[in-house]
Amino acid sequence: MKVVFLEDVEGVALGGDVKNVKNGFARNYLLPKQLAVLATPDALQRIDRLKVRAEGERLKTLTDMRELAGLIAGKQVTVAMRAGASGRLYGSVTNAAVAEELSKLTDREIDRRTVVIDEPIRQVGVFEVDVRLHSEVDAKISLIVYPEGTDPMAVIEARDAAEAEAAEAEAKPDSDEGADEEPVQTEAAAETAVAEDDPSDDKAAEDESSEEDATEDEPSDTDGDEADPSEESAEEPKEGE
């Protein structure tokens, strides 16, 4: 079935477009919601005006979604759920529940389909959730899931304490490692230190000193060759012999 789109239909067509669509899709969705009309000669003559109007609506929607994103970005949305002692939920948090709470905060209707929850949330805690308001606009909110009958702030405090403990544990090994490190020496300083501390140099100096002392104490060869005066006197003949 050929139809003329009166306004944008996301993922299908823009206002003023003429397209062939399935009969059931046209009769059950497009035509009842006045999103499109049959492509009659009269409707085809309105294409240019429909395109201009659709462009204006498109710009208005984009501006409106940007304003809404500014309102909800960074908001904390709390959802109470039945939970066990371990924090496990009886069920899971739905995007409809988040959209409802977000609508209360902003006094604006939030389509549940704009709330993106990639994986089912089945645990008490704090989660970051993406709200895709438009193909060009999205915002992130903080979702706090807490047990019914308790204070949601307790969940935030528990989260902050766990993050602080993890940060402290991560920083501790670094500080210990730094404390055990020896000061870095330059190559020249290292060689000087080795030369000063080499025990072989000290042993050589001691040996040299010992040799000098031994040389000083040893009698010289000239001293040994000198004749004893008493021996010379004994050899001389006495007068009158």
C-alpha atoms as a PDB file:
ATOM      1  CA  MET A   1       0.000   0.000   0.000  1.00  0.00           C
ATOM      2  CA  LYS A   2       1.331   3.413  -0.996  1.00  0.00           C
ATOM      3  CA  VAL A   3       0.966   6.160   1.622  1.00  0.00           C
ATOM      4  CA  VAL A   4       2.061   9.744   2.193  1.00  0.00           C
ATOM      5  CA  PHE A   5       3.610  10.305   5.622  1.00  0.00           C
ATOM      6  CA  LEU A   6       2.136  13.286   7.435  1.00  0.00           C
ATOM      7  CA  GLU A   7       4.954  13.365  10.007  1.00  0.00           C
ATOM      8  CA  ASP A   8       8.147  11.594  10.952  1.00  0.00           C
ATOM      9  CA  VAL A   9       7.913   7.943  11.960  1.00  0.00           C
ATOM     10  CA  GLU A  10      11.243   6.962  13.487  1.00  0.00           C
ATOM     11  CA  GLY A  11      13.015   4.288  11.535  1.00  0.00           C
ATOM     12  CA  VAL A  12      10.356   4.293   8.806  1.00  0.00           C
ATOM     13  CA  ALA A  13      10.038   7.625   7.001  1.00  0.00           C
ATOM     14  CA  LEU A  14      10.022  11.414   7.316  1.00  0.00           C
ATOM     15  CA  GLY A  15       7.029  13.682   6.960  1.00  0.00           C
ATOM     16  CA  GLY A  16       6.205  14.222   3.282  1.00  0.00           C
ATOM     17  CA  ASP A  17       7.769  10.937   2.148  1.00  0.00           C
ATOM     18  CA  VAL A  18       5.798   8.655  -0.150  1.00  0.00           C
ATOM     19  CA  LYS A  19       6.408   4.959   0.469  1.00  0.00           C
ATOM     20  CA  ASN A  20       4.946   1.537  -0.072  1.00  0.00           C
ATOM     21  CA  VAL A  21       4.247  -0.201   3.240  1.00  0.00           C
ATOM     22  CA  LYS A  22       2.585  -3.418   4.271  1.00  0.00           C
ATOM     23  CA  ASN A  23      -1.217  -3.296   4.297  1.00  0.00           C
ATOM     24  CA  GLY A  24      -1.489  -4.424   7.907  1.00  0.00           C
ATOM     25  CA  PHE A  25       1.054  -1.836   9.094  1.00  0.00           C
ATOM     26  CA  ALA A  26      -0.848   0.938   7.300  1.00  0.00           C
ATOM     27  CA  ARG A  27      -4.349  -0.095   8.412  1.00  0.00           C
ATOM     28  CA  ASN A  28      -3.479  -1.013  11.994  1.00  0.00           C
ATOM     29  CA  TYR A  29      -0.935   1.651  12.862  1.00  0.00           C
ATOM     30  CA  LEU A  30      -0.215   4.466  10.399  1.00  0.00           C
ATOM     31  CA  LEU A  31      -3.729   5.392   9.290  1.00  0.00           C
ATOM     32  CA  PRO A  32      -5.479   5.102  12.715  1.00  0.00           C
ATOM     33  CA  LYS A  33      -2.814   7.276  14.357  1.00  0.00           C
ATOM     34  CA  GLN A  34      -2.947   9.764  11.472  1.00  0.00           C
ATOM     35  CA  LEU A  35       0.738   9.357  10.808  1.00  0.00           C
ATOM     36  CA  ALA A  36       0.099   8.802   7.101  1.00  0.00           C
ATOM     37  CA  VAL A  37      -2.694   8.933   4.506  1.00  0.00           C
ATOM     38  CA  LEU A  38      -3.326   7.034   1.327  1.00  0.00           C
ATOM     39  CA  ALA A  39      -1.339   8.351  -1.617  1.00  0.00           C
ATOM     40  CA  THR A  40      -4.299   9.878  -3.439  1.00  0.00           C
ATOM     41  CA  PRO A  41      -3.813  12.632  -6.078  1.00  0.00           C
ATOM     42  CA  ASP A  42      -4.941  15.199  -3.518  1.00  0.00           C
ATOM     43  CA  ALA A  43      -2.472  13.931  -0.923  1.00  0.00           C
ATOM     44  CA  LEU A  44       0.372  13.904  -3.431  1.00  0.00           C
ATOM     45  CA  GLN A  45      -0.240  17.593  -4.134  1.00  0.00           C
ATOM     46  CA  ARG A  46       0.331  18.309  -0.428  1.00  0.00           C
ATOM     47  CA  ILE A  47       3.795  16.743  -0.300  1.00  0.00           C
ATOM     48  CA  ASP A  48       5.760  19.995  -0.353  1.00  0.00           C
ATOM     49  CA  ARG A  49       3.671  21.555   2.427  1.00  0.00           C
ATOM     50  CA  LEU A  50       3.914  18.331   4.465  1.00  0.00           C
ATOM     51  CA  LYS A  51       7.701  18.341   4.166  1.00  0.00           C
ATOM     52  CA  VAL A  52       7.954  21.941   5.371  1.00  0.00           C
ATOM     53  CA  ARG A  53       5.637  21.248   8.305  1.00  0.00           C
ATOM     54  CA  ALA A  54       7.506  18.055   9.190  1.00  0.00           C
ATOM     55  CA  GLU A  55      10.811  19.910   9.160  1.00  0.00           C
ATOM     56  CA  GLY A  56       9.413  22.486  11.592  1.00  0.00           C
ATOM     57  CA  GLU A  57       8.079  19.751  13.882  1.00  0.00           C
ATOM     58  CA  ARG A  58      11.406  17.965  13.718  1.00  0.00           C
ATOM     59  CA  LEU A  59      13.300  21.058  14.842  1.00  0.00           C
ATOM     60  CA  LYS A  60      10.777  21.736  17.615  1.00  0.00           C
ATOM     61  CA  THR A  61      11.070  18.161  18.897  1.00  0.00           C
ATOM     62  CA  LEU A  62      14.858  18.305  18.896  1.00  0.00           C
ATOM     63  CA  THR A  63      14.846  21.556  20.869  1.00  0.00           C
ATOM     64  CA  ASP A  64      12.336  20.152  23.352  1.00  0.00           C
ATOM     65  CA  MET A  65      14.358  16.972  23.913  1.00  0.00           C
ATOM     66  CA  ARG A  66      17.523  18.961  24.497  1.00  0.00           C
ATOM     67  CA  GLU A  67      15.756  20.966  27.179  1.00  0.00           C
ATOM     68  CA  LEU A  68      14.470  17.773  28.787  1.00  0.00           C
ATOM     69  CA  ALA A  69      17.948  16.252  28.724  1.00  0.00           C
ATOM     70  CA  GLY A  70      19.206  19.280  30.608  1.00  0.00           C
ATOM     71  CA  LEU A  71      16.548  18.676  33.280  1.00  0.00           C
ATOM     72  CA  ILE A  72      17.216  14.996  33.860  1.00  0.00           C
ATOM     73  CA  ALA A  73      20.989  14.727  33.313  1.00  0.00           C
ATOM     74  CA  GLY A  74      22.649  13.652  36.556  1.00  0.00           C
ATOM     75  CA  LYS A  75      19.351  13.157  38.410  1.00  0.00           C
ATOM     76  CA  GLN A  76      19.154  10.514  41.126  1.00  0.00           C
ATOM     77  CA  VAL A  77      16.161   8.235  40.667  1.00  0.00           C
ATOM     78  CA  THR A  78      15.247   5.908  43.542  1.00  0.00           C
ATOM     79  CA  VAL A  79      13.319   2.677  43.074  1.00  0.00           C
ATOM     80  CA  ALA A  80      12.257   0.562  46.077  1.00  0.00           C
ATOM     81  CA  MET A  81      12.202  -3.197  45.564  1.00  0.00           C
ATOM     82  CA  ARG A  82      11.636  -6.291  47.665  1.00  0.00           C
ATOM     83  CA  ALA A  83      15.032  -7.774  48.429  1.00  0.00           C
ATOM     84  CA  GLY A  84      16.606 -10.547  50.461  1.00  0.00           C
ATOM     85  CA  ALA A  85      19.220 -10.210  53.183  1.00  0.00           C
ATOM     86  CA  SER A  86      22.019 -10.466  50.617  1.00  0.00           C
ATOM     87  CA  GLY A  87      20.575  -7.612  48.557  1.00  0.00           C
ATOM     88  CA  ARG A  88      19.210  -9.900  45.844  1.00  0.00           C
ATOM     89  CA  LEU A  89      15.939  -8.591  44.411  1.00  0.00           C
ATOM     90  CA  TYR A  90      12.708 -10.537  44.103  1.00  0.00           C
ATOM     91  CA  GLY A  91      12.373  -9.693  40.430  1.00  0.00           C
ATOM     92  CA  SER A  92      14.152  -7.007  38.434  1.00  0.00           C
ATOM     93  CA  VAL A  93      13.944  -3.259  37.847  1.00  0.00           C
ATOM     94  CA  THR A  94      12.037  -2.377  34.661  1.00  0.00           C
ATOM     95  CA  ASN A  95      12.461   0.639  32.419  1.00  0.00           C
ATOM     96  CA  ALA A  96       8.788   1.450  33.051  1.00  0.00           C
ATOM     97  CA  ALA A  97       9.473   1.820  36.790  1.00  0.00           C
ATOM     98  CA  VAL A  98      12.445   4.101  36.119  1.00  0.00           C
ATOM     99  CA  ALA A  99      10.483   6.212  33.613  1.00  0.00           C
ATOM    100  CA  GLU A 100       7.644   6.617  36.113  1.00  0.00           C
ATOM    101  CA  GLU A 101       9.957   7.867  38.861  1.00  0.00           C
ATOM    102  CA  LEU A 102      11.756  10.135  36.409  1.00  0.00           C
ATOM    103  CA  SER A 103       8.436  11.633  35.303  1.00  0.00           C
ATOM    104  CA  LYS A 104       7.641  12.480  38.930  1.00  0.00           C
ATOM    105  CA  LEU A 105      10.921  14.340  39.285  1.00  0.00           C
ATOM    106  CA  THR A 106      10.582  16.388  36.107  1.00  0.00           C
ATOM    107  CA  ASP A 107       6.786  16.782  35.783  1.00  0.00           C
ATOM    108  CA  ARG A 108       7.278  15.614  32.209  1.00  0.00           C
ATOM    109  CA  GLU A 109       6.061  12.437  30.596  1.00  0.00           C
ATOM    110  CA  ILE A 110       8.993  10.126  29.972  1.00  0.00           C
ATOM    111  CA  ASP A 111       8.493   7.297  27.497  1.00  0.00           C
ATOM    112  CA  ARG A 112       9.652   4.026  29.048  1.00  0.00           C
ATOM    113  CA  ARG A 113      11.252   3.089  25.713  1.00  0.00           C
ATOM    114  CA  THR A 114      13.751   5.912  26.138  1.00  0.00           C
ATOM    115  CA  VAL A 115      15.133   4.324  29.336  1.00  0.00           C
ATOM    116  CA  VAL A 116      17.876   1.886  28.318  1.00  0.00           C
ATOM    117  CA  ILE A 117      18.674  -0.960  30.713  1.00  0.00           C
ATOM    118  CA  ASP A 118      21.133  -3.217  28.907  1.00  0.00           C
ATOM    119  CA  GLU A 119      21.100  -5.996  31.500  1.00  0.00           C
ATOM    120  CA  PRO A 120      18.349  -6.807  34.036  1.00  0.00           C
ATOM    121  CA  ILE A 121      19.010  -5.191  37.411  1.00  0.00           C
ATOM    122  CA  ARG A 122      18.460  -7.813  40.115  1.00  0.00           C
ATOM    123  CA  GLN A 123      20.632  -6.422  42.910  1.00  0.00           C
ATOM    124  CA  VAL A 124      20.459  -3.542  45.355  1.00  0.00           C
ATOM    125  CA  GLY A 125      22.945  -0.819  44.429  1.00  0.00           C
ATOM    126  CA  VAL A 126      23.682   2.320  42.442  1.00  0.00           C
ATOM    127  CA  PHE A 127      23.615   2.114  38.651  1.00  0.00           C
ATOM    128  CA  GLU A 128      24.197   4.502  35.747  1.00  0.00           C
ATOM    129  CA  VAL A 129      21.328   4.415  33.254  1.00  0.00           C
ATOM    130  CA  ASP A 130      21.191   5.971  29.799  1.00  0.00           C
ATOM    131  CA  VAL A 131      18.045   7.834  28.682  1.00  0.00           C
ATOM    132  CA  ARG A 132      17.920   8.196  24.890  1.00  0.00           C
ATOM    133  CA  LEU A 133      15.392  10.926  24.299  1.00  0.00           C
ATOM    134  CA  HIS A 134      16.185  11.448  20.622  1.00  0.00           C
ATOM    135  CA  SER A 135      18.512  10.103  17.967  1.00  0.00           C
ATOM    136  CA  GLU A 136      20.727  13.122  18.685  1.00  0.00           C
ATOM    137  CA  VAL A 137      20.028  13.576  22.396  1.00  0.00           C
ATOM    138  CA  ASP A 138      20.649  11.374  25.399  1.00  0.00           C
ATOM    139  CA  ALA A 139      21.258  11.855  29.118  1.00  0.00           C
ATOM    140  CA  LYS A 140      22.627   9.767  31.953  1.00  0.00           C
ATOM    141  CA  ILE A 141      20.934   9.385  35.331  1.00  0.00           C
ATOM    142  CA  SER A 142      21.882   7.670  38.578  1.00  0.00           C
ATOM    143  CA  LEU A 143      19.525   4.861  39.562  1.00  0.00           C
ATOM    144  CA  ILE A 144      19.447   3.888  43.244  1.00  0.00           C
ATOM    145  CA  VAL A 145      17.796   0.527  43.900  1.00  0.00           C
ATOM    146  CA  TYR A 146      17.134  -0.055  47.596  1.00  0.00           C
ATOM    147  CA  PRO A 147      15.178  -2.534  49.723  1.00  0.00           C
ATOM    148  CA  GLU A 148      11.617  -1.577  50.611  1.00  0.00           C
ATOM    149  CA  GLY A 149      11.281  -0.041  54.070  1.00  0.00           C
ATOM    150  CA  THR A 150      14.890   1.214  54.208  1.00  0.00           C
ATOM    151  CA  ASP A 151      16.655   4.490  53.512  1.00  0.00           C
ATOM    152  CA  PRO A 152      18.060   4.792  49.970  1.00  0.00           C
ATOM    153  CA  MET A 153      20.942   6.867  51.349  1.00  0.00           C
ATOM    154  CA  ALA A 154      22.246   3.736  53.084  1.00  0.00           C
ATOM    155  CA  VAL A 155      22.873   2.218  49.651  1.00  0.00           C
ATOM    156  CA  ILE A 156      24.834   5.298  48.566  1.00  0.00           C
ATOM    157  CA  GLU A 157      26.916   5.269  51.750  1.00  0.00           C
ATOM    158  CA  ALA A 158      27.695   1.574  51.301  1.00  0.00           C
ATOM    159  CA  ARG A 159      28.749   2.245  47.713  1.00  0.00           C
ATOM    160  CA  ASP A 160      31.003   5.142  48.735  1.00  0.00           C
ATOM    161  CA  ALA A 161      32.607   3.074  51.508  1.00  0.00           C
ATOM    162  CA  ALA A 162      33.313   0.194  49.125  1.00  0.00           C
ATOM    163  CA  GLU A 163      34.872   2.548  46.560  1.00  0.00           C
ATOM    164  CA  ALA A 164      37.059   4.189  49.228  1.00  0.00           C
ATOM    165  CA  GLU A 165      38.224   0.793  50.480  1.00  0.00           C
ATOM    166  CA  ALA A 166      39.023  -0.366  46.967  1.00  0.00           C
ATOM    167  CA  ALA A 167      40.981   2.829  46.261  1.00  0.00           C
ATOM    168  CA  GLU A 168      42.960   2.431  49.476  1.00  0.00           C
ATOM    169  CA  ALA A 169      43.756  -1.208  48.704  1.00  0.00           C
ATOM    170  CA  GLU A 170      44.893  -0.271  45.217  1.00  0.00           C
ATOM    171  CA  ALA A 171      47.148   2.528  46.458  1.00  0.00           C
ATOM    172  CA  LYS A 172      48.752   0.547  49.299  1.00  0.00           C
ATOM    173  CA  PRO A 173      50.930  -1.823  47.209  1.00  0.00           C
ATOM    174  CA  ASP A 174      52.294   1.146  45.279  1.00  0.00           C
ATOM    175  CA  SER A 175      53.382   2.913  48.463  1.00  0.00           C
ATOM    176  CA  ASP A 176      55.020  -0.236  49.874  1.00  0.00           C
ATOM    177  CA  GLU A 177      56.832  -0.856  46.618  1.00  0.00           C
ATOM    178  CA  GLY A 178      58.161   2.680  46.625  1.00  0.00           C
ATOM    179  CA  ALA A 179      59.395   2.305  50.214  1.00  0.00           C
ATOM    180  CA  ASP A 180      61.404  -0.836  49.363  1.00  0.00           C
ATOM    181  CA  GLU A 181      63.109   0.667  46.357  1.00  0.00           C
ATOM    182  CA  GLU A 182      66.820   1.473  46.752  1.00  0.00           C
ATOM    183  CA  PRO A 183      68.078   4.883  45.668  1.00  0.00           C
ATOM    184  CA  VAL A 184      69.175   4.921  42.061  1.00  0.00           C
ATOM    185  CA  GLN A 185      72.895   5.556  41.510  1.00  0.00           C
ATOM    186  CA  THR A 186      74.466   6.951  38.405  1.00  0.00           C
ATOM    187  CA  GLU A 187      76.994   4.744  36.603  1.00  0.00           C
ATOM    188  CA  ALA A 188      79.935   6.912  37.681  1.00  0.00           C
ATOM    189  CA  ALA A 189      78.821   6.922  41.311  1.00  0.00           C
ATOM    190  CA  ALA A 190      78.375   3.161  41.236  1.00  0.00           C
ATOM    191  CA  GLU A 191      81.891   2.624  39.869  1.00  0.00           C
ATOM    192  CA  THR A 192      83.333   4.946  42.533  1.00  0.00           C
ATOM    193  CA  ALA A 193      81.495   3.085  45.266  1.00  0.00           C
ATOM    194  CA  VAL A 194      82.759  -0.261  43.999  1.00  0.00           C
ATOM    195  CA  ALA A 195      86.304   1.032  43.832  1.00  0.00           C
ATOM    196  CA  GLU A 196      86.144   2.393  47.378  1.00  0.00           C
ATOM    197  CA  ASP A 197      84.647  -0.780  48.801  1.00  0.00           C
ATOM    198  CA  ASP A 198      86.784  -3.329  46.875  1.00  0.00           C
ATOM    199  CA  PRO A 199      88.460  -5.507  49.554  1.00  0.00           C
ATOM    200  CA  SER A 200      91.248  -6.493  47.133  1.00  0.00           C
ATOM    201  CA  ASP A 201      92.543  -2.906  47.155  1.00  0.00           C
ATOM    202  CA  ASP A 202      92.682  -2.912  50.979  1.00  0.00           C
ATOM    203  CA  LYS A 203      94.553  -6.259  50.997  1.00  0.00           C
ATOM    204  CA  ALA A 204      97.114  -4.973  48.500  1.00  0.00           C
ATOM    205  CA  ALA A 205      97.726  -1.887  50.634  1.00  0.00           C
ATOM    206  CA  GLU A 206      98.251  -4.028  53.752  1.00  0.00           C
ATOM    207  CA  ASP A 207     100.721  -6.319  51.948  1.00  0.00           C
ATOM    208  CA  GLU A 208     102.669  -3.341  50.673  1.00  0.00           C
ATOM    209  CA  SER A 209     102.872  -1.851  54.182  1.00  0.00           C
ATOM    210  CA  SER A 210     104.061  -5.176  55.639  1.00  0.00           C
ATOM    211  CA  GLU A 211     106.837  -5.431  53.047  1.00  0.00           C
ATOM    212  CA  GLU A 212     108.035  -1.913  53.872  1.00  0.00           C
ATOM    213  CA  ASP A 213     108.185  -2.738  57.611  1.00  0.00           C
ATOM    214  CA  ALA A 214     110.108  -5.928  56.951  1.00  0.00           C
ATOM    215  CA  THR A 215     112.645  -4.065  54.806  1.00  0.00           C
ATOM    216  CA  GLU A 216     113.328  -1.526  57.530  1.00  0.00           C
ATOM    217  CA  ASP A 217     113.986  -4.220  60.207  1.00  0.00           C
ATOM    218  CA  GLU A 218     116.332  -6.395  58.040  1.00  0.00           C
ATOM    219  CA  PRO A 219     120.079  -5.625  58.473  1.00  0.00           C
ATOM    220  CA  SER A 220     121.790  -4.203  55.422  1.00  0.00           C
ATOM    221  CA  ASP A 221     124.478  -6.046  53.491  1.00  0.00           C
ATOM    222  CA  THR A 222     127.141  -3.351  54.189  1.00  0.00           C
ATOM    223  CA  ASP A 223     126.630  -3.711  57.925  1.00  0.00           C
ATOM    224  CA  GLY A 224     127.364  -7.416  57.708  1.00  0.00           C
ATOM    225  CA  ASP A 225     130.618  -6.882  55.785  1.00  0.00           C
ATOM    226  CA  GLU A 226     132.221  -4.458  58.275  1.00  0.00           C
ATOM    227  CA  ALA A 227     135.047  -6.053  60.343  1.00  0.00           C
ATOM    228  CA  ASP A 228     134.865  -6.239  64.099  1.00  0.00           C
ATOM    229  CA  PRO A 229     137.649  -4.022  65.599  1.00  0.00           C
ATOM    230  CA  SER A 230     138.431  -6.671  68.223  1.00  0.00           C
ATOM    231  CA  GLU A 231     139.145  -9.243  65.532  1.00  0.00           C
ATOM    232  CA  GLU A 232     141.617  -6.874  63.801  1.00  0.00           C
ATOM    233  CA  SER A 233     143.482  -6.273  67.089  1.00  0.00           C
ATOM    234  CA  ALA A 234     143.880  -9.985  67.701  1.00  0.00           C
ATOM    235  CA  GLU A 235     145.535 -10.548  64.373  1.00  0.00           C
ATOM    236  CA  GLU A 236     148.119  -7.750  64.746  1.00  0.00           C
ATOM    237  CA  PRO A 237     151.526  -9.086  66.138  1.00  0.00           C
ATOM    238  CA  LYS A 238     152.715  -7.672  69.424  1.00  0.00           C
ATOM    239  CA  GLU A 239     155.881  -5.657  69.538  1.00  0.00           C
ATOM    240  CA  GLY A 240     159.030  -7.603  70.510  1.00  0.00           C
ATOM    241  CA  GLU A 241     157.913 -10.873  68.951  1.00  0.00           C
END
